């Protein structure tokens, strides 16, 4: 059994751990929910990129047929590709993190 000062210090440290873990879990849970909801958008972008519709839209942009104030990141050379690539890399990282956590995390 430790002294009251040791107990107080330990409890304070554990409270910091609890607060840190609680915030991290909430933030990650919220981010994962957003990412899961974005999967439909990623799938649609993957289908659109390089399709005949994308080629038609790209050609129309190149010909100056689209409104000048139209946001057109999807028609850039790298816009969709970068997002799809980043998503793929994130999925690999999520898999690696999950594997690590399942192997090394303390069991309840």
N, C-alpha and C. Protein backbone atom coordinates (compact mmCIF):
# COMPACT_ATOMS: atom_id res chain seq x y z
N UNK A 1 0.84 -1.17 0.00
CA UNK A 1 0.00 0.00 0.00
C UNK A 1 0.89 1.24 0.00
N UNK A 2 0.57 2.21 -0.87
CA UNK A 2 1.38 3.41 -0.96
C UNK A 2 0.87 4.49 -0.02
N UNK A 3 1.61 5.58 0.01
CA UNK A 3 1.21 6.71 0.83
C UNK A 3 0.06 7.44 0.15
N UNK A 4 -0.57 8.34 0.92
CA UNK A 4 -1.68 9.11 0.36
C UNK A 4 -1.22 9.94 -0.84
N UNK A 5 0.00 10.50 -0.79
CA UNK A 5 0.53 11.28 -1.91
C UNK A 5 0.70 10.40 -3.15
N UNK A 6 1.18 9.18 -2.95
CA UNK A 6 1.34 8.25 -4.08
C UNK A 6 -0.01 7.88 -4.67
N UNK A 7 -0.98 7.64 -3.79
CA UNK A 7 -2.32 7.30 -4.26
C UNK A 7 -2.93 8.45 -5.04
N UNK A 8 -2.81 9.65 -4.49
CA UNK A 8 -3.35 10.84 -5.15
C UNK A 8 -2.71 11.02 -6.52
N UNK A 9 -1.39 10.89 -6.59
CA UNK A 9 -0.68 11.03 -7.86
C UNK A 9 -1.12 9.96 -8.85
N UNK A 10 -1.27 8.74 -8.37
CA UNK A 10 -1.69 7.63 -9.24
C UNK A 10 -3.10 7.88 -9.77
N UNK A 11 -4.00 8.29 -8.89
CA UNK A 11 -5.39 8.55 -9.31
C UNK A 11 -5.44 9.69 -10.32
N UNK A 12 -4.66 10.74 -10.08
CA UNK A 12 -4.61 11.86 -11.02
C UNK A 12 -4.09 11.40 -12.39
N UNK A 13 -3.05 10.56 -12.38
CA UNK A 13 -2.51 10.05 -13.64
C UNK A 13 -3.53 9.18 -14.37
N UNK A 14 -4.22 8.32 -13.62
CA UNK A 14 -5.23 7.46 -14.22
C UNK A 14 -6.40 8.29 -14.77
N UNK A 15 -6.75 9.36 -14.10
CA UNK A 15 -7.79 10.27 -14.60
C UNK A 15 -7.38 10.90 -15.92
N UNK A 16 -6.09 11.30 -16.01
CA UNK A 16 -5.59 11.84 -17.27
C UNK A 16 -5.67 10.80 -18.39
N UNK A 17 -5.30 9.57 -18.07
CA UNK A 17 -5.40 8.49 -19.05
C UNK A 17 -6.84 8.28 -19.48
N UNK A 18 -7.75 8.28 -18.51
CA UNK A 18 -9.17 8.08 -18.80
C UNK A 18 -9.70 9.19 -19.70
N UNK A 19 -9.37 10.43 -19.38
CA UNK A 19 -9.82 11.56 -20.19
C UNK A 19 -9.26 11.48 -21.61
N UNK A 20 -7.95 11.20 -21.71
CA UNK A 20 -7.29 11.10 -23.02
C UNK A 20 -7.91 9.99 -23.86
N UNK A 21 -8.10 8.83 -23.26
CA UNK A 21 -8.66 7.69 -23.98
C UNK A 21 -10.10 7.96 -24.40
N UNK A 22 -10.88 8.56 -23.51
CA UNK A 22 -12.28 8.84 -23.82
C UNK A 22 -12.41 9.78 -25.01
N UNK A 23 -11.61 10.83 -25.02
CA UNK A 23 -11.65 11.79 -26.13
C UNK A 23 -11.19 11.12 -27.43
N UNK A 24 -10.11 10.37 -27.37
CA UNK A 24 -9.59 9.71 -28.57
C UNK A 24 -10.60 8.72 -29.15
N UNK A 25 -11.25 7.95 -28.29
CA UNK A 25 -12.24 6.98 -28.75
C UNK A 25 -13.41 7.69 -29.41
N UNK A 26 -13.90 8.76 -28.81
CA UNK A 26 -15.04 9.51 -29.38
C UNK A 26 -14.66 10.11 -30.72
N UNK A 27 -13.50 10.75 -30.79
CA UNK A 27 -13.08 11.38 -32.04
C UNK A 27 -12.88 10.36 -33.15
N UNK A 28 -12.25 9.23 -32.84
CA UNK A 28 -12.03 8.20 -33.85
C UNK A 28 -13.35 7.58 -34.28
N UNK A 29 -14.23 7.35 -33.34
CA UNK A 29 -15.54 6.79 -33.67
C UNK A 29 -16.31 7.71 -34.61
N UNK A 30 -16.28 9.01 -34.32
CA UNK A 30 -16.95 9.99 -35.20
C UNK A 30 -16.32 10.01 -36.59
N UNK A 31 -14.99 10.00 -36.63
CA UNK A 31 -14.28 10.02 -37.91
C UNK A 31 -14.57 8.75 -38.72
N UNK A 32 -14.59 7.60 -38.05
CA UNK A 32 -14.88 6.35 -38.76
C UNK A 32 -16.30 6.35 -39.31
N UNK A 33 -17.23 6.90 -38.56
CA UNK A 33 -18.62 6.99 -39.04
C UNK A 33 -18.70 7.85 -40.30
N UNK A 34 -18.00 8.99 -40.30
CA UNK A 34 -17.96 9.85 -41.49
C UNK A 34 -17.32 9.12 -42.67
N UNK A 35 -16.23 8.40 -42.39
CA UNK A 35 -15.52 7.69 -43.45
C UNK A 35 -16.39 6.57 -44.03
N UNK A 36 -17.10 5.87 -43.18
CA UNK A 36 -17.99 4.82 -43.67
C UNK A 36 -19.10 5.40 -44.54
N UNK A 37 -19.63 6.54 -44.14
CA UNK A 37 -20.67 7.19 -44.94
C UNK A 37 -20.12 7.67 -46.27
N UNK A 38 -18.83 7.98 -46.34
CA UNK A 38 -18.20 8.44 -47.57
C UNK A 38 -17.92 7.32 -48.56
N UNK A 39 -18.10 6.07 -48.16
CA UNK A 39 -17.79 4.94 -49.05
C UNK A 39 -18.65 4.96 -50.31
N UNK A 40 -19.90 5.39 -50.19
CA UNK A 40 -20.75 5.50 -51.38
C UNK A 40 -20.16 6.53 -52.34
N UNK A 41 -19.74 7.67 -51.80
CA UNK A 41 -19.14 8.71 -52.62
C UNK A 41 -17.86 8.20 -53.29
N UNK A 42 -17.03 7.47 -52.55
CA UNK A 42 -15.79 6.93 -53.11
C UNK A 42 -16.08 5.94 -54.22
N UNK A 43 -17.10 5.12 -54.03
CA UNK A 43 -17.47 4.14 -55.05
C UNK A 43 -17.96 4.85 -56.32
N UNK A 44 -18.79 5.86 -56.13
CA UNK A 44 -19.30 6.62 -57.30
C UNK A 44 -18.16 7.33 -58.02
N UNK A 45 -17.23 7.91 -57.27
CA UNK A 45 -16.08 8.56 -57.90
C UNK A 45 -15.23 7.56 -58.67
N UNK A 46 -15.04 6.37 -58.10
CA UNK A 46 -14.27 5.34 -58.78
C UNK A 46 -14.91 4.91 -60.08
N UNK A 47 -16.22 4.82 -60.09
CA UNK A 47 -16.95 4.46 -61.31
C UNK A 47 -16.87 5.58 -62.34
N UNK A 48 -17.00 6.80 -61.88
CA UNK A 48 -16.99 7.97 -62.78
C UNK A 48 -15.63 8.21 -63.41
N UNK A 49 -14.57 8.06 -62.61
CA UNK A 49 -13.23 8.39 -63.08
C UNK A 49 -12.83 7.48 -64.25
N UNK A 50 -12.50 8.07 -65.36
CA UNK A 50 -12.08 7.33 -66.53
C UNK A 50 -13.21 6.76 -67.37
N UNK A 51 -14.46 6.97 -66.90
CA UNK A 51 -15.61 6.47 -67.66
C UNK A 51 -15.85 7.36 -68.89
N UNK A 52 -16.77 6.92 -69.74
CA UNK A 52 -17.13 7.73 -70.91
C UNK A 52 -17.73 9.06 -70.47
N UNK A 53 -18.52 9.05 -69.40
CA UNK A 53 -19.09 10.31 -68.90
C UNK A 53 -17.99 11.26 -68.44
N UNK A 54 -17.01 10.73 -67.72
CA UNK A 54 -15.90 11.57 -67.27
C UNK A 54 -15.17 12.14 -68.48
N UNK A 55 -14.93 11.31 -69.49
CA UNK A 55 -14.22 11.77 -70.70
C UNK A 55 -15.01 12.86 -71.41
N UNK A 56 -16.34 12.70 -71.49
CA UNK A 56 -17.19 13.73 -72.10
C UNK A 56 -17.11 15.03 -71.29
N UNK A 57 -17.20 14.91 -69.97
CA UNK A 57 -17.13 16.10 -69.11
C UNK A 57 -15.77 16.78 -69.23
N UNK A 58 -14.71 15.99 -69.28
CA UNK A 58 -13.36 16.52 -69.42
C UNK A 58 -13.22 17.26 -70.75
N UNK A 59 -13.72 16.64 -71.82
CA UNK A 59 -13.64 17.27 -73.15
C UNK A 59 -14.43 18.57 -73.18
N UNK A 60 -15.60 18.57 -72.56
CA UNK A 60 -16.41 19.80 -72.52
C UNK A 60 -15.67 20.90 -71.76
N UNK A 61 -14.98 20.54 -70.71
CA UNK A 61 -14.22 21.52 -69.96
C UNK A 61 -13.07 22.04 -70.81
N UNK A 62 -12.36 21.15 -71.46
CA UNK A 62 -11.24 21.55 -72.31
C UNK A 62 -11.70 22.47 -73.44
N UNK A 63 -12.92 22.25 -73.93
CA UNK A 63 -13.46 23.07 -75.02
C UNK A 63 -14.06 24.37 -74.52
N UNK A 64 -14.06 24.58 -73.21
CA UNK A 64 -14.61 25.82 -72.65
C UNK A 64 -16.12 25.87 -72.63
N UNK A 65 -16.77 24.71 -72.65
CA UNK A 65 -18.23 24.66 -72.71
C UNK A 65 -18.91 24.68 -71.34
N UNK A 66 -18.14 24.57 -70.30
CA UNK A 66 -18.72 24.55 -68.95
C UNK A 66 -18.65 25.94 -68.33
N UNK A 67 -19.56 26.24 -67.41
CA UNK A 67 -19.54 27.56 -66.76
C UNK A 67 -18.19 27.82 -66.09
N UNK A 68 -17.70 29.03 -66.20
CA UNK A 68 -16.38 29.35 -65.67
C UNK A 68 -16.32 29.27 -64.15
N UNK A 69 -17.46 29.42 -63.48
CA UNK A 69 -17.47 29.38 -62.02
C UNK A 69 -17.79 27.99 -61.47
N UNK A 70 -17.86 26.99 -62.33
CA UNK A 70 -18.15 25.62 -61.92
C UNK A 70 -16.93 25.00 -61.25
N UNK A 71 -17.11 24.51 -60.03
CA UNK A 71 -16.02 23.79 -59.36
C UNK A 71 -15.79 22.49 -60.13
N UNK A 72 -14.53 22.20 -60.48
CA UNK A 72 -14.26 21.07 -61.38
C UNK A 72 -13.06 20.24 -60.97
N UNK A 73 -12.86 20.09 -59.68
CA UNK A 73 -11.75 19.27 -59.20
C UNK A 73 -11.83 17.84 -59.71
N UNK A 74 -13.04 17.35 -59.96
CA UNK A 74 -13.19 15.98 -60.46
C UNK A 74 -12.66 15.82 -61.88
N UNK A 75 -12.42 16.93 -62.56
CA UNK A 75 -11.91 16.85 -63.93
C UNK A 75 -10.41 17.07 -64.01
N UNK A 76 -9.78 17.32 -62.87
CA UNK A 76 -8.33 17.51 -62.87
C UNK A 76 -7.65 16.17 -63.14
N UNK A 77 -6.40 16.24 -63.49
CA UNK A 77 -5.66 15.02 -63.79
C UNK A 77 -5.51 14.13 -62.55
N UNK A 78 -5.43 14.76 -61.37
CA UNK A 78 -5.14 13.98 -60.17
C UNK A 78 -6.22 14.01 -59.09
N UNK A 79 -7.24 14.81 -59.24
CA UNK A 79 -8.23 15.00 -58.19
C UNK A 79 -8.83 13.71 -57.65
N UNK A 80 -9.54 12.99 -58.49
CA UNK A 80 -10.18 11.74 -58.06
C UNK A 80 -9.13 10.68 -57.74
N UNK A 81 -8.10 10.58 -58.58
CA UNK A 81 -7.06 9.57 -58.37
C UNK A 81 -6.44 9.70 -56.99
N UNK A 82 -6.13 10.93 -56.57
CA UNK A 82 -5.52 11.15 -55.26
C UNK A 82 -6.44 10.72 -54.13
N UNK A 83 -7.72 11.05 -54.24
CA UNK A 83 -8.67 10.67 -53.19
C UNK A 83 -8.82 9.15 -53.12
N UNK A 84 -8.93 8.50 -54.27
CA UNK A 84 -9.06 7.04 -54.29
C UNK A 84 -7.79 6.37 -53.76
N UNK A 85 -6.64 6.91 -54.13
CA UNK A 85 -5.37 6.37 -53.65
C UNK A 85 -5.22 6.58 -52.14
N UNK A 86 -5.57 7.77 -51.67
CA UNK A 86 -5.51 8.05 -50.23
C UNK A 86 -6.45 7.12 -49.46
N UNK A 87 -7.62 6.87 -50.01
CA UNK A 87 -8.57 5.97 -49.36
C UNK A 87 -8.01 4.55 -49.28
N UNK A 88 -7.40 4.11 -50.36
CA UNK A 88 -6.79 2.78 -50.39
C UNK A 88 -5.69 2.67 -49.33
N UNK A 89 -4.83 3.68 -49.27
CA UNK A 89 -3.75 3.69 -48.28
C UNK A 89 -4.31 3.72 -46.86
N UNK A 90 -5.37 4.48 -46.65
CA UNK A 90 -6.00 4.54 -45.33
C UNK A 90 -6.59 3.18 -44.96
N UNK A 91 -7.20 2.50 -45.92
CA UNK A 91 -7.76 1.18 -45.64
C UNK A 91 -6.66 0.19 -45.23
N UNK A 92 -5.52 0.27 -45.88
CA UNK A 92 -4.39 -0.59 -45.51
C UNK A 92 -3.93 -0.24 -44.09
N UNK A 93 -3.82 1.05 -43.81
CA UNK A 93 -3.39 1.48 -42.47
C UNK A 93 -4.38 1.02 -41.41
N UNK A 94 -5.68 1.16 -41.69
CA UNK A 94 -6.69 0.71 -40.74
C UNK A 94 -6.56 -0.79 -40.47
N UNK A 95 -6.31 -1.55 -41.52
CA UNK A 95 -6.13 -2.99 -41.37
C UNK A 95 -4.92 -3.30 -40.50
N UNK A 96 -3.82 -2.59 -40.74
CA UNK A 96 -2.60 -2.81 -39.95
C UNK A 96 -2.82 -2.42 -38.48
N UNK A 97 -3.49 -1.30 -38.25
CA UNK A 97 -3.75 -0.86 -36.88
C UNK A 97 -4.65 -1.86 -36.18
N UNK A 98 -5.68 -2.31 -36.87
CA UNK A 98 -6.60 -3.27 -36.27
C UNK A 98 -5.87 -4.57 -35.93
N UNK A 99 -5.04 -5.05 -36.83
CA UNK A 99 -4.27 -6.27 -36.58
C UNK A 99 -3.38 -6.08 -35.36
N UNK A 100 -2.69 -4.94 -35.28
CA UNK A 100 -1.83 -4.66 -34.14
C UNK A 100 -2.64 -4.64 -32.84
N UNK A 101 -3.76 -3.93 -32.85
CA UNK A 101 -4.57 -3.82 -31.64
C UNK A 101 -5.11 -5.17 -31.20
N UNK A 102 -5.53 -5.98 -32.15
CA UNK A 102 -6.07 -7.29 -31.78
C UNK A 102 -5.00 -8.20 -31.21
N UNK A 103 -3.77 -8.04 -31.67
CA UNK A 103 -2.67 -8.88 -31.18
C UNK A 103 -2.08 -8.38 -29.86
N UNK A 104 -2.07 -7.07 -29.65
CA UNK A 104 -1.33 -6.52 -28.52
C UNK A 104 -2.17 -5.85 -27.45
N UNK A 105 -3.41 -5.61 -27.72
CA UNK A 105 -4.24 -4.90 -26.75
C UNK A 105 -4.60 -5.81 -25.61
N UNK A 106 -4.65 -5.25 -24.43
CA UNK A 106 -5.03 -6.03 -23.26
C UNK A 106 -6.45 -6.53 -23.41
N UNK A 107 -6.65 -7.74 -23.00
CA UNK A 107 -8.00 -8.32 -23.01
C UNK A 107 -8.75 -7.81 -21.80
N UNK A 108 -10.03 -7.66 -21.97
CA UNK A 108 -10.89 -7.19 -20.86
C UNK A 108 -11.16 -8.33 -19.92
